[in-house]
């Protein structure tokens, strides 16, 4: 008797099929509701009560002029997003990007729809920046924006949009501007997170800088390279977003009304501030690496001078002992009663003179 397929908990993904005693096990479909974080219909800036499926929501907004639907998804796969893509007419290339993620920030226009990709960042807490292996965690938020809909797709566990939705719902006048207001709120939320992460990294870099120039520093170049790599991760999220924001502020699409464009200009100004700081971080970390390497080189030079000084001091008794260690019958002072103490005294005097000279020249 073939074994029954195992049932996975709701929300878990089953992408592989298997065989049991020669019988192909059916693939258990995962309902779309497992990936829908929220689905709401807004009329004149106010949320309609009740629970909505995407089919009901589409029928509701298509019969109104002042309504739109906002659906939030979290890491859906191809099957789960296909129904929504068909209902809203999402472009297949944008849908593919939204499912597989790992995109750079961008803004694409498909007929009467915009597709925006935003990189989210999160600061990873740690006890000491010089020992942390990771400082920045990244994710993605994609937004499909149409005349009467917004579909957001989120990848990563740190970039929840629940607070963004609540803030917009608390401001019906702003939400009444339509899907463009939601896109602005998303961009503003992401850029605000850049500012928070930038402040945290700046504090870490200040701590690392003070430790690098401490008298007995234990910070190595490897630790600074870890910090530099995390700053590069932040840079990849921040820098490419400038052009999409400027295009939205300049009227790239009729989906962005004039009232909303000024808000995007404000977000772009904040992003420019973050970009300048991130560039400064990269330059400062490069300087710190050079400083650490210079300190290592200086320490090596000091060590070599000490080794050379002590080798010169040791060479005096070695040379004298080597001469008097030769087996010749007619060595000077070998029969003299005070020959041994005289040689020892000579060794001490010469070594003392050398030591004093090296100390004066700061070699020891």
Protein backbone atom coordinates (compact mmCIF):
# COMPACT_ATOMS: atom_id res chain seq x y z
CA UNK A 1 0.00 0.00 0.00
CA UNK A 2 1.62 3.31 -1.00
CA UNK A 3 2.32 5.77 1.77
CA UNK A 4 0.26 8.95 2.00
CA UNK A 5 1.91 12.27 1.11
CA UNK A 6 3.07 14.27 4.08
CA UNK A 7 1.10 17.41 4.88
CA UNK A 8 3.12 20.55 5.44
CA UNK A 9 1.91 23.38 7.66
CA UNK A 10 0.19 26.33 6.08
CA UNK A 11 2.63 28.76 4.50
CA UNK A 12 5.37 26.17 3.90
CA UNK A 13 6.44 25.61 0.31
CA UNK A 14 6.49 22.18 -1.34
CA UNK A 15 8.24 22.45 -4.68
CA UNK A 16 9.38 18.88 -5.25
CA UNK A 17 7.42 15.79 -6.15
CA UNK A 18 8.43 12.38 -4.98
CA UNK A 19 7.71 8.68 -5.50
CA UNK A 20 6.69 6.07 -2.94
CA UNK A 21 6.69 2.44 -4.06
CA UNK A 22 6.51 3.56 -7.68
CA UNK A 23 3.54 5.89 -7.18
CA UNK A 24 4.03 9.58 -7.98
CA UNK A 25 3.09 11.68 -4.98
CA UNK A 26 0.85 14.65 -5.89
CA UNK A 27 2.13 18.14 -5.24
CA UNK A 28 0.12 19.79 -2.50
CA UNK A 29 -0.96 23.27 -3.66
CA UNK A 30 -0.42 26.14 -1.28
CA UNK A 31 -3.30 28.63 -1.12
CA UNK A 32 -2.72 32.21 -2.13
CA UNK A 33 -3.94 33.36 1.26
CA UNK A 34 -0.75 31.93 2.77
CA UNK A 35 1.22 34.68 1.01
CA UNK A 36 -1.24 37.58 1.16
CA UNK A 37 -0.32 39.81 4.10
CA UNK A 38 -3.22 42.19 3.56
CA UNK A 39 -5.75 43.07 0.88
CA UNK A 40 -7.79 46.24 1.19
CA UNK A 41 -10.02 48.47 -0.92
CA UNK A 42 -9.77 52.24 -0.44
CA UNK A 43 -12.48 54.64 -1.55
CA UNK A 44 -11.71 58.35 -1.39
CA UNK A 45 -8.81 57.63 0.97
CA UNK A 46 -10.77 55.46 3.39
CA UNK A 47 -10.59 51.71 3.80
CA UNK A 48 -13.76 49.74 3.17
CA UNK A 49 -14.54 47.30 5.98
CA UNK A 50 -14.44 43.52 5.62
CA UNK A 51 -12.05 40.90 4.25
CA UNK A 52 -11.37 41.01 0.53
CA UNK A 53 -10.07 38.50 -1.97
CA UNK A 54 -8.25 39.90 -4.95
CA UNK A 55 -11.16 38.89 -7.27
CA UNK A 56 -13.74 40.76 -5.17
CA UNK A 57 -11.41 43.72 -4.75
CA UNK A 58 -10.90 44.04 -8.52
CA UNK A 59 -14.63 43.94 -9.19
CA UNK A 60 -15.22 46.55 -6.51
CA UNK A 61 -12.67 49.12 -7.70
CA UNK A 62 -13.41 48.68 -11.40
CA UNK A 63 -16.92 49.92 -10.74
CA UNK A 64 -15.72 53.15 -9.07
CA UNK A 65 -13.67 56.17 -10.12
CA UNK A 66 -12.25 57.09 -6.70
CA UNK A 67 -11.15 53.66 -5.47
CA UNK A 68 -8.11 51.44 -5.62
CA UNK A 69 -6.98 48.17 -4.10
CA UNK A 70 -3.72 47.51 -2.26
CA UNK A 71 -2.55 43.91 -1.98
CA UNK A 72 0.57 43.02 0.01
CA UNK A 73 2.39 39.73 -0.66
CA UNK A 74 5.33 38.14 1.14
CA UNK A 75 7.69 35.95 -0.92
CA UNK A 76 5.12 34.33 -3.24
CA UNK A 77 6.13 31.76 -5.83
CA UNK A 78 5.04 31.54 -9.48
CA UNK A 79 1.75 29.72 -8.89
CA UNK A 80 0.54 32.02 -6.13
CA UNK A 81 1.18 35.25 -8.02
CA UNK A 82 -0.20 34.11 -11.37
CA UNK A 83 -3.83 34.64 -10.35
CA UNK A 84 -3.15 38.20 -9.21
CA UNK A 85 -1.06 38.88 -12.32
CA UNK A 86 -3.95 37.83 -14.55
CA UNK A 87 -6.53 39.81 -12.56
CA UNK A 88 -4.54 43.05 -12.71
CA UNK A 89 -2.80 42.53 -16.05
CA UNK A 90 0.73 42.56 -14.66
CA UNK A 91 3.53 42.21 -17.21
CA UNK A 92 5.16 38.78 -17.20
CA UNK A 93 8.73 40.15 -17.06
CA UNK A 94 7.93 42.24 -13.99
CA UNK A 95 6.17 39.26 -12.39
CA UNK A 96 9.26 37.14 -12.92
CA UNK A 97 11.44 39.78 -11.26
CA UNK A 98 9.02 40.02 -8.34
CA UNK A 99 9.08 36.27 -7.69
CA UNK A 100 12.79 35.60 -8.01
CA UNK A 101 14.02 38.89 -6.48
CA UNK A 102 17.76 39.75 -6.35
CA UNK A 103 17.24 42.86 -8.47
CA UNK A 104 18.93 46.22 -8.24
CA UNK A 105 16.71 49.25 -7.50
CA UNK A 106 14.95 50.31 -10.68
CA UNK A 107 11.76 51.74 -12.20
CA UNK A 108 10.17 50.19 -15.30
CA UNK A 109 7.11 51.31 -17.23
CA UNK A 110 4.85 48.78 -18.95
CA UNK A 111 2.02 50.48 -20.86
CA UNK A 112 -0.27 51.80 -18.11
CA UNK A 113 1.62 50.23 -15.20
CA UNK A 114 4.78 51.06 -13.23
CA UNK A 115 7.04 48.47 -11.65
CA UNK A 116 9.41 49.71 -8.94
CA UNK A 117 12.10 47.75 -7.10
CA UNK A 118 13.39 49.08 -3.79
CA UNK A 119 16.20 47.54 -1.74
CA UNK A 120 15.49 47.42 1.98
CA UNK A 121 18.22 47.37 4.62
CA UNK A 122 18.30 46.48 8.29
CA UNK A 123 21.02 47.08 10.86
CA UNK A 124 22.16 43.88 12.59
CA UNK A 125 22.80 44.42 16.29
CA UNK A 126 26.13 43.32 17.78
CA UNK A 127 28.25 43.78 20.86
CA UNK A 128 31.36 45.20 19.18
CA UNK A 129 31.78 46.47 15.59
CA UNK A 130 35.35 45.15 15.42
CA UNK A 131 34.18 41.57 15.94
CA UNK A 132 30.86 41.56 14.03
CA UNK A 133 30.63 39.39 10.91
CA UNK A 134 27.54 41.18 9.53
CA UNK A 135 26.21 44.68 10.04
CA UNK A 136 23.67 45.12 7.23
CA UNK A 137 20.91 42.74 6.16
CA UNK A 138 19.18 43.44 2.85
CA UNK A 139 15.79 42.61 1.37
CA UNK A 140 13.55 43.85 -1.42
CA UNK A 141 10.17 45.48 -1.89
CA UNK A 142 8.58 45.48 -5.35
CA UNK A 143 5.54 47.56 -6.23
CA UNK A 144 3.20 47.20 -9.20
CA UNK A 145 1.34 50.49 -9.58
CA UNK A 146 -1.65 50.93 -11.85
CA UNK A 147 -4.54 53.35 -12.15
CA UNK A 148 -6.62 51.53 -9.55
CA UNK A 149 -4.29 49.08 -7.83
CA UNK A 150 -1.04 48.64 -5.94
CA UNK A 151 0.50 45.19 -5.54
CA UNK A 152 3.51 45.05 -3.22
CA UNK A 153 5.78 42.02 -3.04
CA UNK A 154 8.18 41.82 -0.13
CA UNK A 155 11.29 39.63 0.23
CA UNK A 156 13.00 39.45 3.61
CA UNK A 157 11.71 39.36 7.17
CA UNK A 158 12.87 42.79 8.31
CA UNK A 159 10.98 45.04 5.89
CA UNK A 160 7.36 44.80 7.02
CA UNK A 161 4.94 47.37 5.55
CA UNK A 162 2.21 47.15 8.19
CA UNK A 163 3.25 50.44 9.80
CA UNK A 164 3.33 52.14 6.40
CA UNK A 165 -0.23 51.04 5.73
CA UNK A 166 -1.39 52.23 9.16
CA UNK A 167 0.21 55.66 8.69
CA UNK A 168 -1.47 56.09 5.32
CA UNK A 169 -4.84 54.95 6.62
CA UNK A 170 -4.52 57.53 9.40
CA UNK A 171 -4.17 60.24 6.70
CA UNK A 172 -7.15 59.83 4.32
CA UNK A 173 -6.33 63.07 2.52
CA UNK A 174 -2.94 61.70 1.47
CA UNK A 175 -4.32 58.26 0.66
CA UNK A 176 -7.01 59.86 -1.52
CA UNK A 177 -4.26 60.77 -4.00
CA UNK A 178 -4.35 57.14 -5.10
CA UNK A 179 -1.74 54.45 -5.78
CA UNK A 180 0.97 57.08 -6.31
CA UNK A 181 0.64 58.06 -2.65
CA UNK A 182 1.30 54.44 -1.67
CA UNK A 183 4.39 54.31 -3.87
CA UNK A 184 5.68 57.50 -2.26
CA UNK A 185 5.04 56.10 1.23
CA UNK A 186 7.01 52.97 0.33
CA UNK A 187 9.95 54.98 -1.02
CA UNK A 188 9.89 57.29 1.99
CA UNK A 189 9.82 54.31 4.37
CA UNK A 190 12.78 52.66 2.63
CA UNK A 191 14.88 55.84 2.56
CA UNK A 192 14.11 56.49 6.24
CA UNK A 193 15.48 53.03 7.01
CA UNK A 194 18.63 54.01 5.07
CA UNK A 195 19.02 57.00 7.37
CA UNK A 196 18.68 54.83 10.49
CA UNK A 197 21.19 52.27 9.24
CA UNK A 198 23.57 55.04 8.17
CA UNK A 199 23.46 56.58 11.65
CA UNK A 200 24.21 53.20 13.25
CA UNK A 201 27.10 52.46 10.88
CA UNK A 202 28.53 55.94 11.44
CA UNK A 203 28.66 55.23 15.19
CA UNK A 204 30.41 51.91 14.50
CA UNK A 205 32.97 53.56 12.22
CA UNK A 206 33.66 56.24 14.84
CA UNK A 207 34.27 53.49 17.42
CA UNK A 208 36.55 51.62 15.04
CA UNK A 209 38.45 54.80 14.16
CA UNK A 210 39.15 55.59 17.82
CA UNK A 211 40.36 52.02 18.39
CA UNK A 212 42.61 52.06 15.32
CA UNK A 213 44.50 55.11 16.60
CA UNK A 214 44.62 53.90 20.20
CA UNK A 215 48.19 53.31 21.52
CA UNK A 216 47.78 49.53 21.73
CA UNK A 217 45.24 48.90 19.01
CA UNK A 218 44.03 45.36 18.31
CA UNK A 219 42.01 46.28 15.20
CA UNK A 220 43.37 44.58 12.09
CA UNK A 221 42.85 45.27 8.41
CA UNK A 222 40.56 42.22 8.15
CA UNK A 223 38.04 43.76 10.54
CA UNK A 224 38.01 47.01 8.61
CA UNK A 225 37.47 45.08 5.37
CA UNK A 226 34.39 43.47 6.94
CA UNK A 227 33.03 46.93 7.71
CA UNK A 228 33.92 48.10 4.21
CA UNK A 229 32.06 45.14 2.71
CA UNK A 230 28.93 46.01 4.71
CA UNK A 231 29.15 49.63 3.59
CA UNK A 232 29.39 48.36 0.01
CA UNK A 233 26.20 46.35 0.60
CA UNK A 234 24.47 49.54 1.75
CA UNK A 235 25.91 51.44 -1.21
CA UNK A 236 24.39 48.93 -3.66
CA UNK A 237 20.99 49.61 -2.16
CA UNK A 238 21.28 53.40 -2.00
CA UNK A 239 23.06 54.56 -5.14
CA UNK A 240 20.89 53.06 -7.93
CA UNK A 241 17.67 54.41 -6.36
CA UNK A 242 18.46 58.04 -7.15
CA UNK A 243 17.57 57.89 -10.84
CA UNK A 244 14.14 56.22 -10.34
CA UNK A 245 13.18 58.81 -7.71
CA UNK A 246 14.21 61.68 -9.97
CA UNK A 247 12.18 60.22 -12.84
CA UNK A 248 9.11 59.98 -10.61
CA UNK A 249 9.61 63.56 -9.46
CA UNK A 250 9.92 64.81 -13.07
CA UNK A 251 6.65 63.31 -14.35
CA UNK A 252 7.92 60.04 -15.79
CA UNK A 253 4.38 58.62 -15.86
CA UNK A 254 0.84 60.00 -15.86
CA UNK A 255 0.16 57.61 -12.95
CA UNK A 256 2.06 60.06 -10.72
CA UNK A 257 -0.10 63.17 -10.32
CA UNK A 258 1.45 66.58 -9.93
CA UNK A 259 0.52 66.73 -6.24
CA UNK A 260 2.68 63.70 -5.47
CA UNK A 261 5.78 64.64 -7.49
CA UNK A 262 6.99 67.17 -4.91
CA UNK A 263 6.92 64.41 -2.29
CA UNK A 264 9.25 62.31 -4.41
CA UNK A 265 11.63 65.28 -4.69
CA UNK A 266 11.77 65.40 -0.89
CA UNK A 267 12.58 61.68 -0.73
CA UNK A 268 15.27 62.18 -3.37
CA UNK A 269 16.86 64.92 -1.24
CA UNK A 270 17.02 62.55 1.74
CA UNK A 271 18.50 59.84 -0.46
CA UNK A 272 21.19 62.24 -1.72
CA UNK A 273 22.17 62.96 1.88
CA UNK A 274 22.47 59.24 2.58
CA UNK A 275 24.49 58.69 -0.60
CA UNK A 276 26.99 61.40 0.38
CA UNK A 277 27.44 59.87 3.83
CA UNK A 278 27.90 56.36 2.43
CA UNK A 279 30.54 57.67 0.02
CA UNK A 280 32.29 59.33 2.96
CA UNK A 281 32.18 56.06 4.91
CA UNK A 282 33.89 54.24 2.06
CA UNK A 283 36.65 56.83 1.81
CA UNK A 284 37.16 56.90 5.59
CA UNK A 285 37.42 53.10 5.78
CA UNK A 286 39.98 53.14 2.97
CA UNK A 287 41.97 55.68 5.00
CA UNK A 288 41.70 53.47 8.09
CA UNK A 289 43.00 50.49 6.14
CA UNK A 290 45.98 52.56 5.00
CA UNK A 291 46.52 53.72 8.59
CA UNK A 292 46.49 50.15 9.92
CA UNK A 293 48.93 49.02 7.24
CA UNK A 294 51.16 52.01 8.01
CA UNK A 295 51.09 51.15 11.73
CA UNK A 296 52.01 47.55 10.92
CA UNK A 297 54.89 48.73 8.73
CA UNK A 298 56.08 51.15 11.43
CA UNK A 299 55.90 48.42 14.06
CA UNK A 300 57.87 46.08 11.84
CA UNK A 301 60.52 48.78 11.33
CA UNK A 302 60.76 49.32 15.09
CA UNK A 303 61.10 45.59 15.64
CA UNK A 304 63.80 45.33 12.98
CA UNK A 305 65.76 48.20 14.58
CA UNK A 306 65.60 46.53 17.97
CA UNK A 307 66.71 43.22 16.52
CA UNK A 308 69.57 44.93 14.67
CA UNK A 309 70.66 46.82 17.82
CA UNK A 310 70.71 43.70 19.98
CA UNK A 311 72.50 41.76 17.24
CA UNK A 312 75.19 44.45 17.15
CA UNK A 313 75.60 44.32 20.94
CA UNK A 314 75.78 40.53 20.97
CA UNK A 315 78.33 40.55 18.15
CA UNK A 316 80.97 42.16 20.44
CA UNK A 317 81.34 39.27 22.94
CA UNK A 318 80.81 36.79 20.14
CA UNK A 319 83.69 38.25 18.15
CA UNK A 320 86.06 38.45 21.14
CA UNK A 321 85.15 34.95 22.36
CA UNK A 322 85.65 33.66 18.82
CA UNK A 323 89.13 35.13 18.60
CA UNK A 324 90.27 33.76 21.96
CA UNK A 325 88.68 30.44 21.20
CA UNK A 326 91.23 29.67 18.50
CA UNK A 327 93.91 27.10 19.44
CA UNK A 328 97.16 29.02 18.88
CA UNK A 329 100.12 28.91 21.19
CA UNK A 330 101.10 32.54 20.87
CA UNK A 331 97.79 34.35 21.53
CA UNK A 332 98.33 37.79 23.19
CA UNK A 333 97.51 38.08 26.91
CA UNK A 334 96.70 34.35 27.31
CA UNK A 335 99.45 33.95 29.97
CA UNK A 336 98.74 37.26 31.69
CA UNK A 337 97.29 37.02 35.20
CA UNK A 338 94.66 39.74 34.54
CA UNK A 339 93.90 38.77 30.94
CA UNK A 340 90.48 37.20 31.61
CA UNK A 341 89.02 40.04 33.70
CA UNK A 342 90.45 42.55 31.24
CA UNK A 343 88.67 40.88 28.31
CA UNK A 344 85.42 40.66 30.28
CA UNK A 345 85.69 44.33 31.20
CA UNK A 346 86.32 45.21 27.56
CA UNK A 347 83.24 43.31 26.50
CA UNK A 348 81.09 45.06 29.12
CA UNK A 349 82.40 48.51 28.18
CA UNK A 350 81.88 48.02 24.45
CA UNK A 351 78.38 46.56 24.93
CA UNK A 352 77.49 49.43 27.26
CA UNK A 353 78.65 52.01 24.73
CA UNK A 354 76.63 50.37 21.97
CA UNK A 355 73.52 50.15 24.16
CA UNK A 356 73.82 53.82 25.12
CA UNK A 357 74.22 54.83 21.47
CA UNK A 358 71.16 52.84 20.36
CA UNK A 359 69.08 54.23 23.22
CA UNK A 360 70.06 57.77 22.32
CA UNK A 361 68.98 57.17 18.72
CA UNK A 362 65.71 55.58 19.91
CA UNK A 363 66.51 52.19 18.46
CA UNK A 364 65.97 50.59 21.87
